[in-house]
């Protein structure tokens, strides 16, 4: 069973692959992931990232929320 640290590492890697940030954006995204962890998607209003990256992250958040509703 994966540990919380492994889950966070996998989450970071997946978000980076899905959002395709530039190197500068990737560094900022990693810092926010360290700060908020897996809950980053719940705090998008508190991060300072470029709008295209925020839009991708918000789309991922919406997809996750929708899939949770469908599973319930």
PDB file of N, CA and C in Angstrom:
ATOM      1  N   UNK A   1       0.857  -1.183   0.000  1.00  0.00           N
ATOM      2  CA  UNK A   1       0.000   0.000   0.000  1.00  0.00           C
ATOM      3  C   UNK A   1       0.896   1.237   0.000  1.00  0.00           C
ATOM      4  N   UNK A   2       0.636   2.208  -0.912  1.00  0.00           N
ATOM      5  CA  UNK A   2       1.493   3.396  -0.978  1.00  0.00           C
ATOM      6  C   UNK A   2       1.369   4.249   0.287  1.00  0.00           C
ATOM      7  N   UNK A   3       2.465   4.877   0.627  1.00  0.00           N
ATOM      8  CA  UNK A   3       2.456   5.782   1.763  1.00  0.00           C
ATOM      9  C   UNK A   3       1.973   7.148   1.305  1.00  0.00           C
ATOM     10  N   UNK A   4       1.689   8.014   2.270  1.00  0.00           N
ATOM     11  CA  UNK A   4       1.239   9.367   1.941  1.00  0.00           C
ATOM     12  C   UNK A   4       2.301  10.094   1.123  1.00  0.00           C
ATOM     13  N   UNK A   5       3.568   9.876   1.455  1.00  0.00           N
ATOM     14  CA  UNK A   5       4.664  10.509   0.731  1.00  0.00           C
ATOM     15  C   UNK A   5       4.707  10.013  -0.716  1.00  0.00           C
ATOM     16  N   UNK A   6       4.491   8.717  -0.928  1.00  0.00           N
ATOM     17  CA  UNK A   6       4.477   8.172  -2.281  1.00  0.00           C
ATOM     18  C   UNK A   6       3.283   8.711  -3.061  1.00  0.00           C
ATOM     19  N   UNK A   7       2.136   8.815  -2.392  1.00  0.00           N
ATOM     20  CA  UNK A   7       0.946   9.372  -3.043  1.00  0.00           C
ATOM     21  C   UNK A   7       1.201  10.804  -3.492  1.00  0.00           C
ATOM     22  N   UNK A   8       1.817  11.605  -2.631  1.00  0.00           N
ATOM     23  CA  UNK A   8       2.104  12.991  -2.975  1.00  0.00           C
ATOM     24  C   UNK A   8       3.083  13.059  -4.145  1.00  0.00           C
ATOM     25  N   UNK A   9       4.092  12.229  -4.136  1.00  0.00           N
ATOM     26  CA  UNK A   9       5.068  12.204  -5.230  1.00  0.00           C
ATOM     27  C   UNK A   9       4.380  11.838  -6.541  1.00  0.00           C
ATOM     28  N   UNK A  10       3.522  10.839  -6.519  1.00  0.00           N
ATOM     29  CA  UNK A  10       2.797  10.433  -7.725  1.00  0.00           C
ATOM     30  C   UNK A  10       1.846  11.541  -8.186  1.00  0.00           C
ATOM     31  N   UNK A  11       1.199  12.194  -7.238  1.00  0.00           N
ATOM     32  CA  UNK A  11       0.292  13.303  -7.552  1.00  0.00           C
ATOM     33  C   UNK A  11       1.061  14.439  -8.225  1.00  0.00           C
ATOM     34  N   UNK A  12       2.229  14.802  -7.672  1.00  0.00           N
ATOM     35  CA  UNK A  12       3.058  15.860  -8.262  1.00  0.00           C
ATOM     36  C   UNK A  12       3.438  15.514  -9.695  1.00  0.00           C
ATOM     37  N   UNK A  13       3.928  14.300  -9.887  1.00  0.00           N
ATOM     38  CA  UNK A  13       4.363  13.879 -11.216  1.00  0.00           C
ATOM     39  C   UNK A  13       3.207  13.910 -12.209  1.00  0.00           C
ATOM     40  N   UNK A  14       2.038  13.452 -11.784  1.00  0.00           N
ATOM     41  CA  UNK A  14       0.872  13.446 -12.656  1.00  0.00           C
ATOM     42  C   UNK A  14       0.435  14.861 -13.018  1.00  0.00           C
ATOM     43  N   UNK A  15       0.383  15.754 -12.037  1.00  0.00           N
ATOM     44  CA  UNK A  15      -0.014  17.136 -12.327  1.00  0.00           C
ATOM     45  C   UNK A  15       0.951  17.805 -13.287  1.00  0.00           C
ATOM     46  N   UNK A  16       2.223  17.548 -13.120  1.00  0.00           N
ATOM     47  CA  UNK A  16       3.222  18.149 -14.011  1.00  0.00           C
ATOM     48  C   UNK A  16       3.059  17.610 -15.428  1.00  0.00           C
ATOM     49  N   UNK A  17       2.819  16.316 -15.557  1.00  0.00           N
ATOM     50  CA  UNK A  17       2.609  15.740 -16.887  1.00  0.00           C
ATOM     51  C   UNK A  17       1.348  16.303 -17.540  1.00  0.00           C
ATOM     52  N   UNK A  18       0.281  16.409 -16.771  1.00  0.00           N
ATOM     53  CA  UNK A  18      -0.991  16.870 -17.329  1.00  0.00           C
ATOM     54  C   UNK A  18      -0.993  18.349 -17.692  1.00  0.00           C
ATOM     55  N   UNK A  19      -0.313  19.170 -16.903  1.00  0.00           N
ATOM     56  CA  UNK A  19      -0.366  20.613 -17.129  1.00  0.00           C
ATOM     57  C   UNK A  19       0.757  21.127 -18.025  1.00  0.00           C
ATOM     58  N   UNK A  20       1.802  20.352 -18.209  1.00  0.00           N
ATOM     59  CA  UNK A  20       2.935  20.720 -19.061  1.00  0.00           C
ATOM     60  C   UNK A  20       3.452  22.132 -18.791  1.00  0.00           C
ATOM     61  N   UNK A  21       3.836  22.424 -17.545  1.00  0.00           N
ATOM     62  CA  UNK A  21       4.324  23.772 -17.230  1.00  0.00           C
ATOM     63  C   UNK A  21       5.724  24.023 -17.792  1.00  0.00           C
ATOM     64  N   UNK A  22       6.056  25.308 -17.975  1.00  0.00           N
ATOM     65  CA  UNK A  22       7.430  25.669 -18.326  1.00  0.00           C
ATOM     66  C   UNK A  22       8.298  25.388 -17.103  1.00  0.00           C
ATOM     67  N   UNK A  23       9.598  25.515 -17.241  1.00  0.00           N
ATOM     68  CA  UNK A  23      10.493  25.248 -16.109  1.00  0.00           C
ATOM     69  C   UNK A  23      10.201  26.169 -14.927  1.00  0.00           C
ATOM     70  N   UNK A  24       9.985  27.468 -15.203  1.00  0.00           N
ATOM     71  CA  UNK A  24       9.660  28.407 -14.119  1.00  0.00           C
ATOM     72  C   UNK A  24       8.338  28.056 -13.463  1.00  0.00           C
ATOM     73  N   UNK A  25       7.333  27.728 -14.283  1.00  0.00           N
ATOM     74  CA  UNK A  25       6.032  27.345 -13.745  1.00  0.00           C
ATOM     75  C   UNK A  25       6.138  26.055 -12.946  1.00  0.00           C
ATOM     76  N   UNK A  26       6.973  25.128 -13.437  1.00  0.00           N
ATOM     77  CA  UNK A  26       7.152  23.851 -12.748  1.00  0.00           C
ATOM     78  C   UNK A  26       7.728  24.074 -11.351  1.00  0.00           C
ATOM     79  N   UNK A  27       8.698  24.969 -11.239  1.00  0.00           N
ATOM     80  CA  UNK A  27       9.289  25.273  -9.928  1.00  0.00           C
ATOM     81  C   UNK A  27       8.241  25.859  -8.988  1.00  0.00           C
ATOM     82  N   UNK A  28       7.431  26.789  -9.493  1.00  0.00           N
ATOM     83  CA  UNK A  28       6.376  27.392  -8.669  1.00  0.00           C
ATOM     84  C   UNK A  28       5.337  26.356  -8.281  1.00  0.00           C
ATOM     85  N   UNK A  29       4.950  25.527  -9.238  1.00  0.00           N
ATOM     86  CA  UNK A  29       3.959  24.490  -8.977  1.00  0.00           C
ATOM     87  C   UNK A  29       4.461  23.531  -7.900  1.00  0.00           C
ATOM     88  N   UNK A  30       5.725  23.164  -7.978  1.00  0.00           N
ATOM     89  CA  UNK A  30       6.302  22.267  -6.967  1.00  0.00           C
ATOM     90  C   UNK A  30       6.283  22.905  -5.583  1.00  0.00           C
ATOM     91  N   UNK A  31       6.566  24.205  -5.512  1.00  0.00           N
ATOM     92  CA  UNK A  31       6.521  24.895  -4.222  1.00  0.00           C
ATOM     93  C   UNK A  31       5.110  24.889  -3.644  1.00  0.00           C
ATOM     94  N   UNK A  32       4.119  25.160  -4.483  1.00  0.00           N
ATOM     95  CA  UNK A  32       2.738  25.136  -4.004  1.00  0.00           C
ATOM     96  C   UNK A  32       2.312  23.724  -3.614  1.00  0.00           C
ATOM     97  N   UNK A  33       2.799  22.729  -4.331  1.00  0.00           N
ATOM     98  CA  UNK A  33       2.485  21.353  -3.967  1.00  0.00           C
ATOM     99  C   UNK A  33       3.111  20.982  -2.629  1.00  0.00           C
ATOM    100  N   UNK A  34       4.289  21.503  -2.364  1.00  0.00           N
ATOM    101  CA  UNK A  34       4.904  21.269  -1.055  1.00  0.00           C
ATOM    102  C   UNK A  34       4.083  21.928   0.047  1.00  0.00           C
ATOM    103  N   UNK A  35       3.560  23.115  -0.248  1.00  0.00           N
ATOM    104  CA  UNK A  35       2.788  23.859   0.741  1.00  0.00           C
ATOM    105  C   UNK A  35       1.406  23.246   0.975  1.00  0.00           C
ATOM    106  N   UNK A  36       0.686  22.934  -0.096  1.00  0.00           N
ATOM    107  CA  UNK A  36      -0.697  22.476   0.011  1.00  0.00           C
ATOM    108  C   UNK A  36      -0.862  20.967  -0.138  1.00  0.00           C
ATOM    109  N   UNK A  37       0.149  20.313  -0.700  1.00  0.00           N
ATOM    110  CA  UNK A  37       0.051  18.878  -0.904  1.00  0.00           C
ATOM    111  C   UNK A  37      -1.062  18.528  -1.873  1.00  0.00           C
ATOM    112  N   UNK A  38      -1.695  17.396  -1.622  1.00  0.00           N
ATOM    113  CA  UNK A  38      -2.757  16.912  -2.493  1.00  0.00           C
ATOM    114  C   UNK A  38      -3.949  17.867  -2.497  1.00  0.00           C
ATOM    115  N   UNK A  39      -4.055  18.724  -1.511  1.00  0.00           N
ATOM    116  CA  UNK A  39      -5.166  19.681  -1.435  1.00  0.00           C
ATOM    117  C   UNK A  39      -4.954  20.929  -2.283  1.00  0.00           C
ATOM    118  N   UNK A  40      -3.905  20.966  -3.076  1.00  0.00           N
ATOM    119  CA  UNK A  40      -3.622  22.137  -3.907  1.00  0.00           C
ATOM    120  C   UNK A  40      -4.836  22.549  -4.738  1.00  0.00           C
ATOM    121  N   UNK A  41      -5.538  21.581  -5.301  1.00  0.00           N
ATOM    122  CA  UNK A  41      -6.663  21.901  -6.176  1.00  0.00           C
ATOM    123  C   UNK A  41      -7.794  22.601  -5.435  1.00  0.00           C
ATOM    124  N   UNK A  42      -7.815  22.492  -4.113  1.00  0.00           N
ATOM    125  CA  UNK A  42      -8.821  23.187  -3.309  1.00  0.00           C
ATOM    126  C   UNK A  42      -8.390  24.606  -2.954  1.00  0.00           C
ATOM    127  N   UNK A  43      -7.170  24.988  -3.322  1.00  0.00           N
ATOM    128  CA  UNK A  43      -6.624  26.292  -2.940  1.00  0.00           C
ATOM    129  C   UNK A  43      -6.128  27.085  -4.146  1.00  0.00           C
ATOM    130  N   UNK A  44      -6.712  26.868  -5.297  1.00  0.00           N
ATOM    131  CA  UNK A  44      -6.247  27.555  -6.504  1.00  0.00           C
ATOM    132  C   UNK A  44      -6.415  29.060  -6.422  1.00  0.00           C
ATOM    133  N   UNK A  45      -7.347  29.525  -5.596  1.00  0.00           N
ATOM    134  CA  UNK A  45      -7.542  30.959  -5.440  1.00  0.00           C
ATOM    135  C   UNK A  45      -6.430  31.599  -4.609  1.00  0.00           C
ATOM    136  N   UNK A  46      -5.576  30.791  -4.006  1.00  0.00           N
ATOM    137  CA  UNK A  46      -4.512  31.297  -3.142  1.00  0.00           C
ATOM    138  C   UNK A  46      -3.115  31.161  -3.752  1.00  0.00           C
ATOM    139  N   UNK A  47      -3.036  30.675  -4.980  1.00  0.00           N
ATOM    140  CA  UNK A  47      -1.721  30.493  -5.610  1.00  0.00           C
ATOM    141  C   UNK A  47      -1.526  31.504  -6.718  1.00  0.00           C
ATOM    142  N   UNK A  48      -0.275  31.852  -6.955  1.00  0.00           N
ATOM    143  CA  UNK A  48       0.076  32.818  -7.983  1.00  0.00           C
ATOM    144  C   UNK A  48       0.772  32.082  -9.125  1.00  0.00           C
ATOM    145  N   UNK A  49      -0.039  31.564 -10.017  1.00  0.00           N
ATOM    146  CA  UNK A  49       0.460  30.856 -11.190  1.00  0.00           C
ATOM    147  C   UNK A  49      -0.149  31.501 -12.431  1.00  0.00           C
ATOM    148  N   UNK A  50       0.487  31.345 -13.586  1.00  0.00           N
ATOM    149  CA  UNK A  50      -0.077  31.924 -14.815  1.00  0.00           C
ATOM    150  C   UNK A  50      -1.475  31.370 -15.101  1.00  0.00           C
ATOM    151  N   UNK A  51      -2.317  32.202 -15.689  1.00  0.00           N
ATOM    152  CA  UNK A  51      -3.707  31.853 -15.946  1.00  0.00           C
ATOM    153  C   UNK A  51      -3.870  30.545 -16.738  1.00  0.00           C
ATOM    154  N   UNK A  52      -3.101  30.306 -17.798  1.00  0.00           N
ATOM    155  CA  UNK A  52      -3.292  29.039 -18.520  1.00  0.00           C
ATOM    156  C   UNK A  52      -3.042  27.808 -17.626  1.00  0.00           C
ATOM    157  N   UNK A  53      -2.072  27.902 -16.746  1.00  0.00           N
ATOM    158  CA  UNK A  53      -1.785  26.800 -15.835  1.00  0.00           C
ATOM    159  C   UNK A  53      -2.903  26.651 -14.812  1.00  0.00           C
ATOM    160  N   UNK A  54      -3.403  27.768 -14.295  1.00  0.00           N
ATOM    161  CA  UNK A  54      -4.525  27.722 -13.354  1.00  0.00           C
ATOM    162  C   UNK A  54      -5.771  27.128 -14.007  1.00  0.00           C
ATOM    163  N   UNK A  55      -5.999  27.456 -15.268  1.00  0.00           N
ATOM    164  CA  UNK A  55      -7.158  26.915 -15.973  1.00  0.00           C
ATOM    165  C   UNK A  55      -7.045  25.395 -16.120  1.00  0.00           C
ATOM    166  N   UNK A  56      -5.856  24.906 -16.400  1.00  0.00           N
ATOM    167  CA  UNK A  56      -5.653  23.456 -16.498  1.00  0.00           C
ATOM    168  C   UNK A  56      -5.882  22.794 -15.138  1.00  0.00           C
ATOM    169  N   UNK A  57      -5.341  23.383 -14.094  1.00  0.00           N
ATOM    170  CA  UNK A  57      -5.512  22.826 -12.754  1.00  0.00           C
ATOM    171  C   UNK A  57      -6.983  22.848 -12.344  1.00  0.00           C
ATOM    172  N   UNK A  58      -7.687  23.920 -12.701  1.00  0.00           N
ATOM    173  CA  UNK A  58      -9.106  24.009 -12.371  1.00  0.00           C
ATOM    174  C   UNK A  58      -9.902  22.955 -13.142  1.00  0.00           C
ATOM    175  N   UNK A  59      -9.542  22.711 -14.373  1.00  0.00           N
ATOM    176  CA  UNK A  59     -10.223  21.679 -15.159  1.00  0.00           C
ATOM    177  C   UNK A  59     -10.016  20.311 -14.522  1.00  0.00           C
ATOM    178  N   UNK A  60      -8.822  20.049 -14.043  1.00  0.00           N
ATOM    179  CA  UNK A  60      -8.537  18.782 -13.357  1.00  0.00           C
ATOM    180  C   UNK A  60      -9.377  18.688 -12.086  1.00  0.00           C
ATOM    181  N   UNK A  61      -9.473  19.787 -11.357  1.00  0.00           N
ATOM    182  CA  UNK A  61     -10.281  19.817 -10.132  1.00  0.00           C
ATOM    183  C   UNK A  61     -11.736  19.498 -10.440  1.00  0.00           C
ATOM    184  N   UNK A  62     -12.256  20.078 -11.498  1.00  0.00           N
ATOM    185  CA  UNK A  62     -13.651  19.849 -11.879  1.00  0.00           C
ATOM    186  C   UNK A  62     -13.866  18.392 -12.276  1.00  0.00           C
ATOM    187  N   UNK A  63     -12.940  17.832 -13.042  1.00  0.00           N
ATOM    188  CA  UNK A  63     -13.067  16.429 -13.446  1.00  0.00           C
ATOM    189  C   UNK A  63     -13.062  15.496 -12.239  1.00  0.00           C
ATOM    190  N   UNK A  64     -12.197  15.783 -11.277  1.00  0.00           N
ATOM    191  CA  UNK A  64     -12.142  14.956 -10.065  1.00  0.00           C
ATOM    192  C   UNK A  64     -13.436  15.074  -9.295  1.00  0.00           C
ATOM    193  N   UNK A  65     -13.931  16.293  -9.138  1.00  0.00           N
ATOM    194  CA  UNK A  65     -15.184  16.501  -8.394  1.00  0.00           C
ATOM    195  C   UNK A  65     -16.343  15.796  -9.079  1.00  0.00           C
ATOM    196  N   UNK A  66     -16.407  15.890 -10.415  1.00  0.00           N
ATOM    197  CA  UNK A  66     -17.478  15.235 -11.146  1.00  0.00           C
ATOM    198  C   UNK A  66     -17.403  13.723 -11.021  1.00  0.00           C
ATOM    199  N   UNK A  67     -16.196  13.184 -11.074  1.00  0.00           N
ATOM    200  CA  UNK A  67     -16.056  11.726 -10.968  1.00  0.00           C
ATOM    201  C   UNK A  67     -16.439  11.240  -9.575  1.00  0.00           C
ATOM    202  N   UNK A  68     -16.174  12.053  -8.553  1.00  0.00           N
ATOM    203  CA  UNK A  68     -16.580  11.691  -7.192  1.00  0.00           C
ATOM    204  C   UNK A  68     -18.093  11.672  -7.077  1.00  0.00           C
ATOM    205  N   UNK A  69     -18.772  12.632  -7.708  1.00  0.00           N
ATOM    206  CA  UNK A  69     -20.235  12.685  -7.667  1.00  0.00           C
ATOM    207  C   UNK A  69     -20.833  11.477  -8.380  1.00  0.00           C
ATOM    208  N   UNK A  70     -20.257  11.090  -9.496  1.00  0.00           N
ATOM    209  CA  UNK A  70     -20.762   9.954 -10.257  1.00  0.00           C
ATOM    210  C   UNK A  70     -20.597   8.668  -9.446  1.00  0.00           C
ATOM    211  N   UNK A  71     -19.502   8.546  -8.709  1.00  0.00           N
ATOM    212  CA  UNK A  71     -19.237   7.338  -7.926  1.00  0.00           C
ATOM    213  C   UNK A  71     -20.088   7.235  -6.674  1.00  0.00           C
ATOM    214  N   UNK A  72     -20.707   8.319  -6.266  1.00  0.00           N
ATOM    215  CA  UNK A  72     -21.506   8.298  -5.029  1.00  0.00           C
ATOM    216  C   UNK A  72     -22.905   7.867  -5.258  1.00  0.00           C
TER     217      UNK A  72
END
